[in-house]
Amino acid sequence: MLVDDIKRMIVTGLPGAEVHITGDGRHFEAQIIHDDFAGKTMLQQHKMVYATLGDKMGGDIHALSMRTYTREQWEQAQSS
């Protein structure tokens, strides 16, 4: 699976998300920025992302390491 395919799936499922992904075709790392993450636990945020990937998780995508941020959290992380 290509990085661009994963990015497209996440952005389709979370319109307006900013997504940064690296990977080797089976193992990926992602930073997902979306304001709908506000007020949700990390587990809830990750479930939101996994829902956008459907049955690709565990299949075409063997492993996905992710960090989720609201826009404010992302800006703070980038400035530190």
N, C-alpha and C. Protein backbone atom coordinates (compact mmCIF):
# COMPACT_ATOMS: atom_id res chain seq x y z
N MET A 1 0.84 -1.17 0.00
CA MET A 1 0.00 0.00 0.00
C MET A 1 0.89 1.23 0.00
N LEU A 2 0.47 2.23 -0.74
CA LEU A 2 1.25 3.46 -0.86
C LEU A 2 0.87 4.48 0.20
N VAL A 3 1.83 5.29 0.59
CA VAL A 3 1.61 6.37 1.55
C VAL A 3 0.47 7.27 1.08
N ASP A 4 0.46 7.60 -0.21
CA ASP A 4 -0.60 8.49 -0.74
C ASP A 4 -1.98 7.87 -0.61
N ASP A 5 -2.09 6.54 -0.75
CA ASP A 5 -3.38 5.86 -0.59
C ASP A 5 -3.90 5.99 0.84
N ILE A 6 -3.01 5.78 1.80
CA ILE A 6 -3.41 5.90 3.21
C ILE A 6 -3.81 7.33 3.52
N LYS A 7 -3.02 8.27 3.06
CA LYS A 7 -3.34 9.68 3.30
C LYS A 7 -4.71 10.02 2.72
N ARG A 8 -4.97 9.57 1.51
CA ARG A 8 -6.26 9.85 0.86
C ARG A 8 -7.43 9.25 1.66
N MET A 9 -7.25 8.02 2.17
CA MET A 9 -8.31 7.38 2.95
C MET A 9 -8.60 8.15 4.23
N ILE A 10 -7.54 8.60 4.91
CA ILE A 10 -7.73 9.34 6.16
C ILE A 10 -8.40 10.68 5.88
N VAL A 11 -7.94 11.40 4.87
CA VAL A 11 -8.51 12.72 4.56
C VAL A 11 -9.96 12.58 4.08
N THR A 12 -10.27 11.51 3.38
CA THR A 12 -11.65 11.27 2.96
C THR A 12 -12.55 11.03 4.18
N GLY A 13 -12.05 10.26 5.14
CA GLY A 13 -12.83 9.95 6.33
C GLY A 13 -12.85 11.05 7.37
N LEU A 14 -11.83 11.90 7.36
CA LEU A 14 -11.72 13.03 8.29
C LEU A 14 -11.47 14.30 7.46
N PRO A 15 -12.50 14.79 6.78
CA PRO A 15 -12.30 15.96 5.90
C PRO A 15 -11.65 17.12 6.65
N GLY A 16 -10.68 17.72 6.00
CA GLY A 16 -9.97 18.84 6.60
C GLY A 16 -8.75 18.44 7.40
N ALA A 17 -8.52 17.14 7.54
CA ALA A 17 -7.35 16.67 8.30
C ALA A 17 -6.07 16.99 7.55
N GLU A 18 -5.04 17.29 8.31
CA GLU A 18 -3.68 17.41 7.77
C GLU A 18 -2.97 16.12 8.16
N VAL A 19 -2.39 15.44 7.18
CA VAL A 19 -1.84 14.11 7.41
C VAL A 19 -0.40 14.05 6.89
N HIS A 20 0.50 13.58 7.74
CA HIS A 20 1.90 13.38 7.37
C HIS A 20 2.21 11.90 7.61
N ILE A 21 2.64 11.20 6.55
CA ILE A 21 2.89 9.75 6.67
C ILE A 21 4.23 9.40 6.05
N THR A 22 4.93 8.50 6.71
CA THR A 22 6.12 7.87 6.14
C THR A 22 5.93 6.36 6.30
N GLY A 23 6.61 5.60 5.45
CA GLY A 23 6.50 4.16 5.59
C GLY A 23 7.22 3.41 4.50
N ASP A 24 7.26 2.08 4.69
CA ASP A 24 7.98 1.22 3.76
C ASP A 24 7.06 0.35 2.91
N GLY A 25 5.77 0.62 2.93
CA GLY A 25 4.83 -0.18 2.16
C GLY A 25 4.00 -1.11 3.01
N ARG A 26 4.44 -1.44 4.20
CA ARG A 26 3.67 -2.28 5.14
C ARG A 26 3.63 -1.68 6.54
N HIS A 27 4.69 -0.99 6.93
CA HIS A 27 4.79 -0.35 8.25
C HIS A 27 4.82 1.16 8.03
N PHE A 28 3.95 1.86 8.76
CA PHE A 28 3.81 3.29 8.54
C PHE A 28 3.81 4.06 9.85
N GLU A 29 4.23 5.32 9.77
CA GLU A 29 4.15 6.26 10.88
C GLU A 29 3.37 7.46 10.39
N ALA A 30 2.44 7.93 11.21
CA ALA A 30 1.58 9.04 10.77
C ALA A 30 1.40 10.06 11.88
N GLN A 31 1.30 11.31 11.46
CA GLN A 31 0.86 12.39 12.32
C GLN A 31 -0.42 12.92 11.66
N ILE A 32 -1.50 12.92 12.44
CA ILE A 32 -2.79 13.35 11.92
C ILE A 32 -3.26 14.53 12.75
N ILE A 33 -3.56 15.64 12.08
CA ILE A 33 -3.99 16.86 12.74
C ILE A 33 -5.43 17.13 12.33
N HIS A 34 -6.32 17.18 13.33
CA HIS A 34 -7.73 17.42 13.05
C HIS A 34 -8.40 17.96 14.31
N ASP A 35 -9.17 19.01 14.17
CA ASP A 35 -9.78 19.61 15.34
C ASP A 35 -10.91 18.78 15.95
N ASP A 36 -11.42 17.77 15.24
CA ASP A 36 -12.42 16.88 15.83
C ASP A 36 -11.84 16.00 16.92
N PHE A 37 -10.51 15.99 17.07
CA PHE A 37 -9.88 15.23 18.14
C PHE A 37 -10.03 15.93 19.50
N ALA A 38 -10.39 17.19 19.49
CA ALA A 38 -10.51 17.96 20.74
C ALA A 38 -11.52 17.30 21.68
N GLY A 39 -11.11 17.16 22.93
CA GLY A 39 -11.99 16.61 23.96
C GLY A 39 -12.12 15.09 23.94
N LYS A 40 -11.41 14.43 23.05
CA LYS A 40 -11.48 12.97 22.96
C LYS A 40 -10.19 12.36 23.54
N THR A 41 -10.32 11.15 24.04
CA THR A 41 -9.14 10.44 24.55
C THR A 41 -8.28 10.00 23.36
N MET A 42 -7.05 9.63 23.64
CA MET A 42 -6.17 9.14 22.59
C MET A 42 -6.78 7.91 21.92
N LEU A 43 -7.37 7.02 22.72
CA LEU A 43 -7.99 5.82 22.17
C LEU A 43 -9.13 6.20 21.21
N GLN A 44 -9.96 7.14 21.60
CA GLN A 44 -11.05 7.58 20.72
C GLN A 44 -10.51 8.19 19.43
N GLN A 45 -9.44 8.97 19.54
CA GLN A 45 -8.83 9.59 18.37
C GLN A 45 -8.30 8.52 17.42
N HIS A 46 -7.61 7.54 17.97
CA HIS A 46 -7.04 6.48 17.14
C HIS A 46 -8.14 5.65 16.48
N LYS A 47 -9.22 5.39 17.20
CA LYS A 47 -10.35 4.66 16.62
C LYS A 47 -10.95 5.44 15.45
N MET A 48 -10.98 6.77 15.56
CA MET A 48 -11.48 7.59 14.46
C MET A 48 -10.61 7.39 13.22
N VAL A 49 -9.30 7.34 13.41
CA VAL A 49 -8.39 7.15 12.28
C VAL A 49 -8.53 5.73 11.73
N TYR A 50 -8.53 4.73 12.61
CA TYR A 50 -8.66 3.34 12.15
C TYR A 50 -9.94 3.14 11.36
N ALA A 51 -11.02 3.82 11.75
CA ALA A 51 -12.29 3.70 11.04
C ALA A 51 -12.17 4.15 9.58
N THR A 52 -11.29 5.10 9.31
CA THR A 52 -11.12 5.58 7.94
C THR A 52 -10.38 4.57 7.08
N LEU A 53 -9.65 3.65 7.71
CA LEU A 53 -8.82 2.68 6.98
C LEU A 53 -9.52 1.35 6.75
N GLY A 54 -10.63 1.13 7.45
CA GLY A 54 -11.42 -0.07 7.25
C GLY A 54 -10.62 -1.35 7.35
N ASP A 55 -10.83 -2.24 6.39
CA ASP A 55 -10.21 -3.56 6.43
C ASP A 55 -8.75 -3.56 5.97
N LYS A 56 -8.21 -2.40 5.64
CA LYS A 56 -6.79 -2.32 5.24
C LYS A 56 -5.86 -2.57 6.43
N MET A 57 -6.34 -2.24 7.65
CA MET A 57 -5.55 -2.50 8.86
C MET A 57 -5.45 -4.00 9.07
N GLY A 58 -4.24 -4.48 9.27
CA GLY A 58 -4.03 -5.92 9.44
C GLY A 58 -3.93 -6.66 8.13
N GLY A 59 -4.22 -5.97 7.05
CA GLY A 59 -4.10 -6.56 5.72
C GLY A 59 -2.98 -5.87 4.98
N ASP A 60 -3.35 -4.93 4.11
CA ASP A 60 -2.35 -4.16 3.35
C ASP A 60 -1.46 -3.33 4.27
N ILE A 61 -2.03 -2.88 5.38
CA ILE A 61 -1.28 -2.10 6.36
C ILE A 61 -0.98 -3.03 7.53
N HIS A 62 0.25 -3.45 7.64
CA HIS A 62 0.62 -4.37 8.71
C HIS A 62 0.72 -3.65 10.05
N ALA A 63 1.26 -2.44 10.05
CA ALA A 63 1.42 -1.69 11.30
C ALA A 63 1.33 -0.19 11.02
N LEU A 64 0.64 0.50 11.88
CA LEU A 64 0.52 1.95 11.78
C LEU A 64 0.76 2.56 13.16
N SER A 65 1.84 3.30 13.26
CA SER A 65 2.14 4.06 14.47
C SER A 65 1.64 5.47 14.22
N MET A 66 0.85 6.00 15.12
CA MET A 66 0.32 7.34 14.86
C MET A 66 0.35 8.22 16.09
N ARG A 67 0.41 9.50 15.80
CA ARG A 67 0.24 10.55 16.80
C ARG A 67 -0.86 11.45 16.27
N THR A 68 -1.80 11.75 17.14
CA THR A 68 -2.93 12.59 16.74
C THR A 68 -2.88 13.90 17.52
N TYR A 69 -3.25 14.97 16.83
CA TYR A 69 -3.18 16.31 17.41
C TYR A 69 -4.38 17.14 16.95
N THR A 70 -4.79 18.07 17.80
CA THR A 70 -5.63 19.15 17.32
C THR A 70 -4.69 20.16 16.66
N ARG A 71 -5.23 21.11 15.93
CA ARG A 71 -4.38 22.12 15.29
C ARG A 71 -3.55 22.85 16.35
N GLU A 72 -4.17 23.21 17.48
CA GLU A 72 -3.46 23.93 18.54
C GLU A 72 -2.32 23.07 19.11
N GLN A 73 -2.59 21.80 19.36
CA GLN A 73 -1.55 20.91 19.89
C GLN A 73 -0.40 20.76 18.89
N TRP A 74 -0.73 20.67 17.62
CA TRP A 74 0.28 20.53 16.57
C TRP A 74 1.18 21.76 16.53
N GLU A 75 0.56 22.93 16.58
CA GLU A 75 1.35 24.17 16.55
C GLU A 75 2.26 24.27 17.76
N GLN A 76 1.76 23.86 18.93
CA GLN A 76 2.59 23.87 20.14
C GLN A 76 3.75 22.88 20.00
N ALA A 77 3.49 21.71 19.46
CA ALA A 77 4.52 20.69 19.29
C ALA A 77 5.60 21.16 18.32
N GLN A 78 5.21 21.89 17.30
CA GLN A 78 6.16 22.36 16.30
C GLN A 78 7.03 23.50 16.82
N SER A 79 6.51 24.26 17.78
CA SER A 79 7.27 25.40 18.30
C SER A 79 8.19 25.02 19.46
N SER A 80 8.05 23.81 19.96
CA SER A 80 8.90 23.41 21.10
C SER A 80 10.10 22.62 20.67
